[in-house]
PDB file of N, CA and C in Angstrom:
ATOM      1  N   MET A   1      99.516  18.980 307.326  1.00  0.00           N
ATOM      2  CA  MET A   1      99.457  20.056 306.374  1.00  0.00           C
ATOM      3  C   MET A   1      98.315  19.727 305.404  1.00  0.00           C
ATOM      4  N   ASP A   2      97.464  20.723 305.194  1.00  0.00           N
ATOM      5  CA  ASP A   2      96.347  20.469 304.291  1.00  0.00           C
ATOM      6  C   ASP A   2      96.751  20.783 302.845  1.00  0.00           C
ATOM      7  N   VAL A   3      95.884  20.488 301.938  1.00  0.00           N
ATOM      8  CA  VAL A   3      96.149  20.627 300.500  1.00  0.00           C
ATOM      9  C   VAL A   3      96.338  22.091 300.114  1.00  0.00           C
ATOM     10  N   ASN A   4      95.559  22.967 300.675  1.00  0.00           N
ATOM     11  CA  ASN A   4      95.666  24.391 300.329  1.00  0.00           C
ATOM     12  C   ASN A   4      97.019  24.963 300.726  1.00  0.00           C
ATOM     13  N   THR A   5      97.518  24.597 301.879  1.00  0.00           N
ATOM     14  CA  THR A   5      98.824  25.062 302.333  1.00  0.00           C
ATOM     15  C   THR A   5      99.919  24.519 301.431  1.00  0.00           C
ATOM     16  N   ALA A   6      99.842  23.232 301.092  1.00  0.00           N
ATOM     17  CA  ALA A   6     100.832  22.615 300.203  1.00  0.00           C
ATOM     18  C   ALA A   6     100.811  23.296 298.840  1.00  0.00           C
ATOM     19  N   LEU A   7      99.629  23.576 298.304  1.00  0.00           N
ATOM     20  CA  LEU A   7      99.527  24.257 297.007  1.00  0.00           C
ATOM     21  C   LEU A   7     100.088  25.668 297.082  1.00  0.00           C
ATOM     22  N   THR A   8      99.829  26.355 298.171  1.00  0.00           N
ATOM     23  CA  THR A   8     100.352  27.710 298.339  1.00  0.00           C
ATOM     24  C   THR A   8     101.877  27.702 298.358  1.00  0.00           C
ATOM     25  N   ILE A   9     102.445  26.733 299.078  1.00  0.00           N
ATOM     26  CA  ILE A   9     103.907  26.615 299.135  1.00  0.00           C
ATOM     27  C   ILE A   9     104.470  26.261 297.771  1.00  0.00           C
ATOM     28  N   LEU A  10     103.845  25.320 297.068  1.00  0.00           N
ATOM     29  CA  LEU A  10     104.311  24.936 295.726  1.00  0.00           C
ATOM     30  C   LEU A  10     104.214  26.096 294.744  1.00  0.00           C
ATOM     31  N   ILE A  11     103.136  26.847 294.825  1.00  0.00           N
ATOM     32  CA  ILE A  11     102.988  28.007 293.932  1.00  0.00           C
ATOM     33  C   ILE A  11     104.070  29.043 294.233  1.00  0.00           C
ATOM     34  N   GLY A  12     104.372  29.224 295.510  1.00  0.00           N
ATOM     35  CA  GLY A  12     105.451  30.142 295.895  1.00  0.00           C
ATOM     36  C   GLY A  12     106.785  29.696 295.342  1.00  0.00           C
ATOM     37  N   PHE A  13     107.091  28.375 295.490  1.00  0.00           N
ATOM     38  CA  PHE A  13     108.338  27.851 294.930  1.00  0.00           C
ATOM     39  C   PHE A  13     108.371  27.988 293.409  1.00  0.00           C
ATOM     40  N   ALA A  14     107.253  27.743 292.772  1.00  0.00           N
ATOM     41  CA  ALA A  14     107.186  27.876 291.313  1.00  0.00           C
ATOM     42  C   ALA A  14     107.445  29.320 290.900  1.00  0.00           C
ATOM     43  N   GLY A  15     106.906  30.257 291.655  1.00  0.00           N
ATOM     44  CA  GLY A  15     107.153  31.672 291.365  1.00  0.00           C
ATOM     45  C   GLY A  15     108.615  32.035 291.506  1.00  0.00           C
ATOM     46  N   VAL A  16     109.231  31.544 292.568  1.00  0.00           N
ATOM     47  CA  VAL A  16     110.659  31.807 292.791  1.00  0.00           C
ATOM     48  C   VAL A  16     111.488  31.175 291.670  1.00  0.00           C
ATOM     49  N   ALA A  17     111.170  29.924 291.330  1.00  0.00           N
ATOM     50  CA  ALA A  17     111.909  29.236 290.260  1.00  0.00           C
ATOM     51  C   ALA A  17     111.715  29.953 288.930  1.00  0.00           C
ATOM     52  N   GLY A  18     110.478  30.376 288.652  1.00  0.00           N
ATOM     53  CA  GLY A  18     110.222  31.095 287.403  1.00  0.00           C
ATOM     54  C   GLY A  18     110.972  32.412 287.350  1.00  0.00           C
ATOM     55  N   GLY A  19     111.019  33.103 288.460  1.00  0.00           N
ATOM     56  CA  GLY A  19     111.780  34.355 288.520  1.00  0.00           C
ATOM     57  C   GLY A  19     113.256  34.122 288.300  1.00  0.00           C
ATOM     58  N   TYR A  20     113.778  33.050 288.860  1.00  0.00           N
ATOM     59  CA  TYR A  20     115.196  32.732 288.700  1.00  0.00           C
ATOM     60  C   TYR A  20     115.523  32.438 287.238  1.00  0.00           C
ATOM     61  N   VAL A  21     114.691  31.578 286.610  1.00  0.00           N
ATOM     62  CA  VAL A  21     114.924  31.216 285.208  1.00  0.00           C
ATOM     63  C   VAL A  21     114.765  32.438 284.309  1.00  0.00           C
ATOM     64  N   GLY A  22     113.725  33.226 284.570  1.00  0.00           N
ATOM     65  CA  GLY A  22     113.527  34.441 283.782  1.00  0.00           C
ATOM     66  C   GLY A  22     114.673  35.420 283.944  1.00  0.00           C
ATOM     67  N   GLY A  23     115.186  35.534 285.151  1.00  0.00           N
ATOM     68  CA  GLY A  23     116.329  36.404 285.395  1.00  0.00           C
ATOM     69  C   GLY A  23     117.559  35.947 284.642  1.00  0.00           C
ATOM     70  N   LYS A  24     117.750  34.630 284.595  1.00  0.00           N
ATOM     71  CA  LYS A  24     118.890  34.086 283.840  1.00  0.00           C
ATOM     72  C   LYS A  24     118.772  34.436 282.359  1.00  0.00           C
ATOM     73  N   ARG A  25     117.568  34.301 281.804  1.00  0.00           N
ATOM     74  CA  ARG A  25     117.363  34.620 280.385  1.00  0.00           C
ATOM     75  C   ARG A  25     117.605  36.098 280.132  1.00  0.00           C
ATOM     76  N   ASN A  26     117.082  36.944 281.000  1.00  0.00           N
ATOM     77  CA  ASN A  26     117.290  38.381 280.842  1.00  0.00           C
ATOM     78  C   ASN A  26     118.757  38.742 281.002  1.00  0.00           C
ATOM     79  N   SER A  27     119.436  38.059 281.887  1.00  0.00           N
ATOM     80  CA  SER A  27     120.856  38.299 282.075  1.00  0.00           C
ATOM     81  C   SER A  27     121.625  37.956 280.812  1.00  0.00           C
ATOM     82  N   SER A  28     121.264  36.847 280.190  1.00  0.00           N
ATOM     83  CA  SER A  28     121.909  36.448 278.945  1.00  0.00           C
ATOM     84  C   SER A  28     121.624  37.467 277.851  1.00  0.00           C
ATOM     85  N   LEU A  29     120.405  37.945 277.787  1.00  0.00           N
ATOM     86  CA  LEU A  29     120.027  38.948 276.795  1.00  0.00           C
ATOM     87  C   LEU A  29     120.800  40.240 277.031  1.00  0.00           C
ATOM     88  N   ALA A  30     120.936  40.624 278.290  1.00  0.00           N
ATOM     89  CA  ALA A  30     121.678  41.838 278.622  1.00  0.00           C
ATOM     90  C   ALA A  30     123.150  41.694 278.228  1.00  0.00           C
ATOM     91  N   THR A  31     123.722  40.533 278.463  1.00  0.00           N
ATOM     92  CA  THR A  31     125.115  40.293 278.092  1.00  0.00           C
ATOM     93  C   THR A  31     125.287  40.369 276.584  1.00  0.00           C
ATOM     94  N   ASP A  32     124.372  39.780 275.843  1.00  0.00           N
ATOM     95  CA  ASP A  32     124.428  39.848 274.381  1.00  0.00           C
ATOM     96  C   ASP A  32     124.285  41.284 273.890  1.00  0.00           C
ATOM     97  N   THR A  33     123.394  42.038 274.524  1.00  0.00           N
ATOM     98  CA  THR A  33     123.194  43.435 274.141  1.00  0.00           C
ATOM     99  C   THR A  33     124.450  44.253 274.413  1.00  0.00           C
ATOM    100  N   ILE A  34     125.087  44.018 275.550  1.00  0.00           N
ATOM    101  CA  ILE A  34     126.320  44.740 275.866  1.00  0.00           C
ATOM    102  C   ILE A  34     127.413  44.402 274.863  1.00  0.00           C
ATOM    103  N   SER A  35     127.534  43.162 274.479  1.00  0.00           N
ATOM    104  CA  SER A  35     128.541  42.767 273.487  1.00  0.00           C
ATOM    105  C   SER A  35     128.282  43.445 272.153  1.00  0.00           C
ATOM    106  N   LEU A  36     127.019  43.480 271.756  1.00  0.00           N
ATOM    107  CA  LEU A  36     126.656  44.142 270.498  1.00  0.00           C
ATOM    108  C   LEU A  36     126.985  45.622 270.557  1.00  0.00           C
ATOM    109  N   LEU A  37     126.649  46.275 271.656  1.00  0.00           N
ATOM    110  CA  LEU A  37     126.939  47.703 271.801  1.00  0.00           C
ATOM    111  C   LEU A  37     128.436  47.970 271.812  1.00  0.00           C
ATOM    112  N   GLN A  38     129.208  47.109 272.449  1.00  0.00           N
ATOM    113  CA  GLN A  38     130.657  47.288 272.463  1.00  0.00           C
ATOM    114  C   GLN A  38     131.242  47.175 271.065  1.00  0.00           C
ATOM    115  N   SER A  39     130.738  46.245 270.266  1.00  0.00           N
ATOM    116  CA  SER A  39     131.247  46.115 268.902  1.00  0.00           C
ATOM    117  C   SER A  39     130.874  47.337 268.068  1.00  0.00           C
ATOM    118  N   GLN A  40     129.678  47.888 268.308  1.00  0.00           N
ATOM    119  CA  GLN A  40     129.272  49.099 267.580  1.00  0.00           C
ATOM    120  C   GLN A  40     130.136  50.298 267.981  1.00  0.00           C
ATOM    121  N   VAL A  41     130.451  50.409 269.253  1.00  0.00           N
ATOM    122  CA  VAL A  41     131.303  51.508 269.725  1.00  0.00           C
ATOM    123  C   VAL A  41     132.690  51.380 269.105  1.00  0.00           C
ATOM    124  N   THR A  42     133.211  50.180 269.035  1.00  0.00           N
ATOM    125  CA  THR A  42     134.519  49.958 268.418  1.00  0.00           C
ATOM    126  C   THR A  42     134.496  50.361 266.947  1.00  0.00           C
ATOM    127  N   ALA A  43     133.437  49.993 266.251  1.00  0.00           N
ATOM    128  CA  ALA A  43     133.319  50.364 264.834  1.00  0.00           C
ATOM    129  C   ALA A  43     133.246  51.883 264.669  1.00  0.00           C
ATOM    130  N   LEU A  44     132.500  52.546 265.528  1.00  0.00           N
ATOM    131  CA  LEU A  44     132.393  54.008 265.456  1.00  0.00           C
ATOM    132  C   LEU A  44     133.730  54.679 265.766  1.00  0.00           C
ATOM    133  N   GLN A  45     134.459  54.151 266.735  1.00  0.00           N
ATOM    134  CA  GLN A  45     135.765  54.719 267.059  1.00  0.00           C
ATOM    135  C   GLN A  45     136.712  54.576 265.875  1.00  0.00           C
ATOM    136  N   SER A  46     136.631  53.454 265.184  1.00  0.00           N
ATOM    137  CA  SER A  46     137.463  53.240 264.005  1.00  0.00           C
ATOM    138  C   SER A  46     137.130  54.260 262.920  1.00  0.00           C
ATOM    139  N   GLN A  47     135.845  54.493 262.717  1.00  0.00           N
ATOM    140  CA  GLN A  47     135.434  55.455 261.700  1.00  0.00           C
ATOM    141  C   GLN A  47     135.823  56.877 262.092  1.00  0.00           C
ATOM    142  N   CYS A  48     135.710  57.192 263.372  1.00  0.00           N
ATOM    143  CA  CYS A  48     136.065  58.533 263.840  1.00  0.00           C
ATOM    144  C   CYS A  48     137.564  58.792 263.699  1.00  0.00           C
ATOM    145  N   SER A  49     138.360  57.766 263.816  1.00  0.00           N
ATOM    146  CA  SER A  49     139.803  57.949 263.683  1.00  0.00           C
ATOM    147  C   SER A  49     140.188  58.263 262.243  1.00  0.00           C
ATOM    148  N   GLN A  50     139.319  57.985 261.294  1.00  0.00           N
ATOM    149  CA  GLN A  50     139.599  58.279 259.888  1.00  0.00           C
ATOM    150  C   GLN A  50     139.247  59.714 259.511  1.00  0.00           C
ATOM    151  N   ILE A  51     138.507  60.408 260.345  1.00  0.00           N
ATOM    152  CA  ILE A  51     138.034  61.755 260.022  1.00  0.00           C
ATOM    153  C   ILE A  51     139.184  62.742 259.803  1.00  0.00           C
ATOM    154  N   PRO A  52     140.222  62.794 260.644  1.00  0.00           N
ATOM    155  CA  PRO A  52     141.311  63.751 260.374  1.00  0.00           C
ATOM    156  C   PRO A  52     141.976  63.522 259.014  1.00  0.00           C
ATOM    157  N   ALA A  53     142.166  62.279 258.639  1.00  0.00           N
ATOM    158  CA  ALA A  53     142.767  61.989 257.332  1.00  0.00           C
ATOM    159  C   ALA A  53     141.869  62.483 256.205  1.00  0.00           C
ATOM    160  N   LEU A  54     140.571  62.336 256.380  1.00  0.00           N
ATOM    161  CA  LEU A  54     139.633  62.823 255.362  1.00  0.00           C
ATOM    162  C   LEU A  54     139.660  64.344 255.275  1.00  0.00           C
ATOM    163  N   HIS A  55     139.787  65.017 256.408  1.00  0.00           N
ATOM    164  CA  HIS A  55     139.898  66.482 256.400  1.00  0.00           C
ATOM    165  C   HIS A  55     141.153  66.920 255.640  1.00  0.00           C
ATOM    166  N   GLU A  56     142.249  66.203 255.827  1.00  0.00           N
ATOM    167  CA  GLU A  56     143.488  66.522 255.108  1.00  0.00           C
ATOM    168  C   GLU A  56     143.300  66.341 253.608  1.00  0.00           C
ATOM    169  N   ARG A  57     142.652  65.268 253.208  1.00  0.00           N
ATOM    170  CA  ARG A  57     142.404  65.032 251.783  1.00  0.00           C
ATOM    171  C   ARG A  57     141.526  66.128 251.188  1.00  0.00           C
ATOM    172  N   ILE A  58     140.519  66.542 251.946  1.00  0.00           N
ATOM    173  CA  ILE A  58     139.629  67.604 251.469  1.00  0.00           C
ATOM    174  C   ILE A  58     140.413  68.899 251.284  1.00  0.00           C
ATOM    175  N   ALA A  59     141.301  69.207 252.219  1.00  0.00           N
ATOM    176  CA  ALA A  59     142.115  70.415 252.120  1.00  0.00           C
ATOM    177  C   ALA A  59     142.996  70.373 250.870  1.00  0.00           C
ATOM    178  N   VAL A  60     143.585  69.212 250.595  1.00  0.00           N
ATOM    179  CA  VAL A  60     144.424  69.075 249.401  1.00  0.00           C
ATOM    180  C   VAL A  60     143.589  69.259 248.137  1.00  0.00           C
ATOM    181  N   LEU A  61     142.421  68.646 248.105  1.00  0.00           N
ATOM    182  CA  LEU A  61     141.555  68.784 246.930  1.00  0.00           C
ATOM    183  C   LEU A  61     141.096  70.227 246.733  1.00  0.00           C
ATOM    184  N   GLU A  62     140.770  70.924 247.829  1.00  0.00           N
ATOM    185  CA  GLU A  62     140.382  72.328 247.716  1.00  0.00           C
ATOM    186  C   GLU A  62     141.522  73.159 247.153  1.00  0.00           C
ATOM    187  N   GLU A  63     142.735  72.880 247.598  1.00  0.00           N
ATOM    188  CA  GLU A  63     143.902  73.598 247.092  1.00  0.00           C
ATOM    189  C   GLU A  63     144.106  73.321 245.603  1.00  0.00           C
ATOM    190  N   LEU A  64     143.923  72.073 245.195  1.00  0.00           N
ATOM    191  CA  LEU A  64     144.063  71.742 243.771  1.00  0.00           C
ATOM    192  C   LEU A  64     143.014  72.456 242.923  1.00  0.00           C
ATOM    193  N   VAL A  65     141.796  72.528 243.428  1.00  0.00           N
ATOM    194  CA  VAL A  65     140.735  73.222 242.694  1.00  0.00           C
ATOM    195  C   VAL A  65     141.075  74.708 242.571  1.00  0.00           C
ATOM    196  N   THR A  66     141.578  75.285 243.643  1.00  0.00           N
ATOM    197  CA  THR A  66     141.960  76.701 243.613  1.00  0.00           C
ATOM    198  C   THR A  66     143.098  76.929 242.618  1.00  0.00           C
ATOM    199  N   GLN A  67     144.086  76.052 242.638  1.00  0.00           N
ATOM    200  CA  GLN A  67     145.199  76.175 241.695  1.00  0.00           C
ATOM    201  C   GLN A  67     144.708  76.044 240.255  1.00  0.00           C
ATOM    202  N   ARG A  68     143.791  75.123 240.032  1.00  0.00           N
ATOM    203  CA  ARG A  68     143.252  74.919 238.684  1.00  0.00           C
ATOM    204  C   ARG A  68     142.526  76.172 238.195  1.00  0.00           C
ATOM    205  N   ALA A  69     141.767  76.792 239.094  1.00  0.00           N
ATOM    206  CA  ALA A  69     141.058  78.016 238.735  1.00  0.00           C
ATOM    207  C   ALA A  69     142.047  79.127 238.385  1.00  0.00           C
ATOM    208  N   LYS A  70     143.137  79.227 239.147  1.00  0.00           N
ATOM    209  CA  LYS A  70     144.152  80.245 238.863  1.00  0.00           C
ATOM    210  C   LYS A  70     144.836  79.975 237.527  1.00  0.00           C
ATOM    211  N   VAL A  71     145.109  78.732 237.238  1.00  0.00           N
ATOM    212  CA  VAL A  71     145.728  78.361 235.960  1.00  0.00           C
ATOM    213  C   VAL A  71     144.795  78.730 234.804  1.00  0.00           C
ATOM    214  N   ASN A  72     143.514  78.470 234.965  1.00  0.00           N
ATOM    215  CA  ASN A  72     142.553  78.818 233.920  1.00  0.00           C
ATOM    216  C   ASN A  72     142.486  80.329 233.716  1.00  0.00           C
ATOM    217  N   GLU A  73     142.575  81.112 234.801  1.00  0.00           N
ATOM    218  CA  GLU A  73     142.592  82.565 234.679  1.00  0.00           C
ATOM    219  C   GLU A  73     143.813  83.033 233.899  1.00  0.00           C
ATOM    220  N   VAL A  74     144.964  82.476 234.218  1.00  0.00           N
ATOM    221  CA  VAL A  74     146.197  82.833 233.511  1.00  0.00           C
ATOM    222  C   VAL A  74     146.084  82.433 232.051  1.00  0.00           C
ATOM    223  N   LEU A  75     145.523  81.276 231.761  1.00  0.00           N
ATOM    224  CA  LEU A  75     145.349  80.815 230.388  1.00  0.00           C
ATOM    225  C   LEU A  75     144.462  81.773 229.601  1.00  0.00           C
ATOM    226  N   GLU A  76     143.401  82.263 230.224  1.00  0.00           N
ATOM    227  CA  GLU A  76     142.529  83.230 229.549  1.00  0.00           C
ATOM    228  C   GLU A  76     143.273  84.519 229.248  1.00  0.00           C
ATOM    229  N   ILE A  77     144.083  84.977 230.199  1.00  0.00           N
ATOM    230  CA  ILE A  77     144.865  86.199 229.985  1.00  0.00           C
ATOM    231  C   ILE A  77     145.858  86.001 228.844  1.00  0.00           C
ATOM    232  N   VAL A  78     146.542  84.869 228.836  1.00  0.00           N
ATOM    233  CA  VAL A  78     147.517  84.572 227.776  1.00  0.00           C
ATOM    234  C   VAL A  78     146.814  84.486 226.434  1.00  0.00           C
ATOM    235  N   THR A  79     145.649  83.880 226.399  1.00  0.00           N
ATOM    236  CA  THR A  79     144.896  83.763 225.149  1.00  0.00           C
ATOM    237  C   THR A  79     144.490  85.150 224.640  1.00  0.00           C
ATOM    238  N   GLU A  80     144.040  86.034 225.530  1.00  0.00           N
ATOM    239  CA  GLU A  80     143.668  87.395 225.127  1.00  0.00           C
ATOM    240  C   GLU A  80     144.876  88.150 224.590  1.00  0.00           C
ATOM    241  N   ILE A  81     146.007  88.030 225.254  1.00  0.00           N
ATOM    242  CA  ILE A  81     147.229  88.705 224.797  1.00  0.00           C
ATOM    243  C   ILE A  81     147.641  88.174 223.432  1.00  0.00           C
ATOM    244  N   LYS A  82     147.564  86.862 223.257  1.00  0.00           N
ATOM    245  CA  LYS A  82     147.936  86.237 221.983  1.00  0.00           C
ATOM    246  C   LYS A  82     147.038  86.733 220.865  1.00  0.00           C
ATOM    247  N   GLU A  83     145.723  86.826 221.122  1.00  0.00           N
ATOM    248  CA  GLU A  83     144.776  87.305 220.109  1.00  0.00           C
ATOM    249  C   GLU A  83     145.066  88.767 219.748  1.00  0.00           C
ATOM    250  N   LYS A  84     145.386  89.581 220.778  1.00  0.00           N
ATOM    251  CA  LYS A  84     145.697  90.996 220.506  1.00  0.00           C
ATOM    252  C   LYS A  84     146.966  91.126 219.677  1.00  0.00           C
ATOM    253  N   MET A  85     147.961  90.273 219.956  1.00  0.00           N
ATOM    254  CA  MET A  85     149.227  90.328 219.210  1.00  0.00           C
ATOM    255  C   MET A  85     149.022  89.862 217.772  1.00  0.00           C
ATOM    256  N   GLU A  86     148.171  88.884 217.572  1.00  0.00           N
ATOM    257  CA  GLU A  86     147.910  88.385 216.217  1.00  0.00           C
ATOM    258  C   GLU A  86     147.164  89.426 215.388  1.00  0.00           C
ATOM    259  N   ARG A  87     146.281  90.220 216.008  1.00  0.00           N
ATOM    260  CA  ARG A  87     145.532  91.250 215.302  1.00  0.00           C
ATOM    261  C   ARG A  87     146.401  92.460 215.023  1.00  0.00           C
ATOM    262  N   GLY A  88     147.252  92.743 215.961  1.00  0.00           N
ATOM    263  CA  GLY A  88     147.958  93.998 215.933  1.00  0.00           C
ATOM    264  C   GLY A  88     149.156  94.084 215.141  1.00  0.00           C
TER     265      GLY A  88
END
């Protein structure tokens, strides 16, 4: 076997070994990325599960604001009646 053939074979083996090592690194990176994405999905699911409770709270607050507005309207009417009675 001459030197050129031996070098060609060694370069081929080096390429295969480099591909194997590089694949292992990429595999590790892919696994880390999948773990990160899974944790993000879990966090989003947790936040999404809170949305119905927030909608309920908003509905209660809207009702309170509406009731407050009605109370203020009644108060204005009572105040007008009181002023008319005091004048009259």
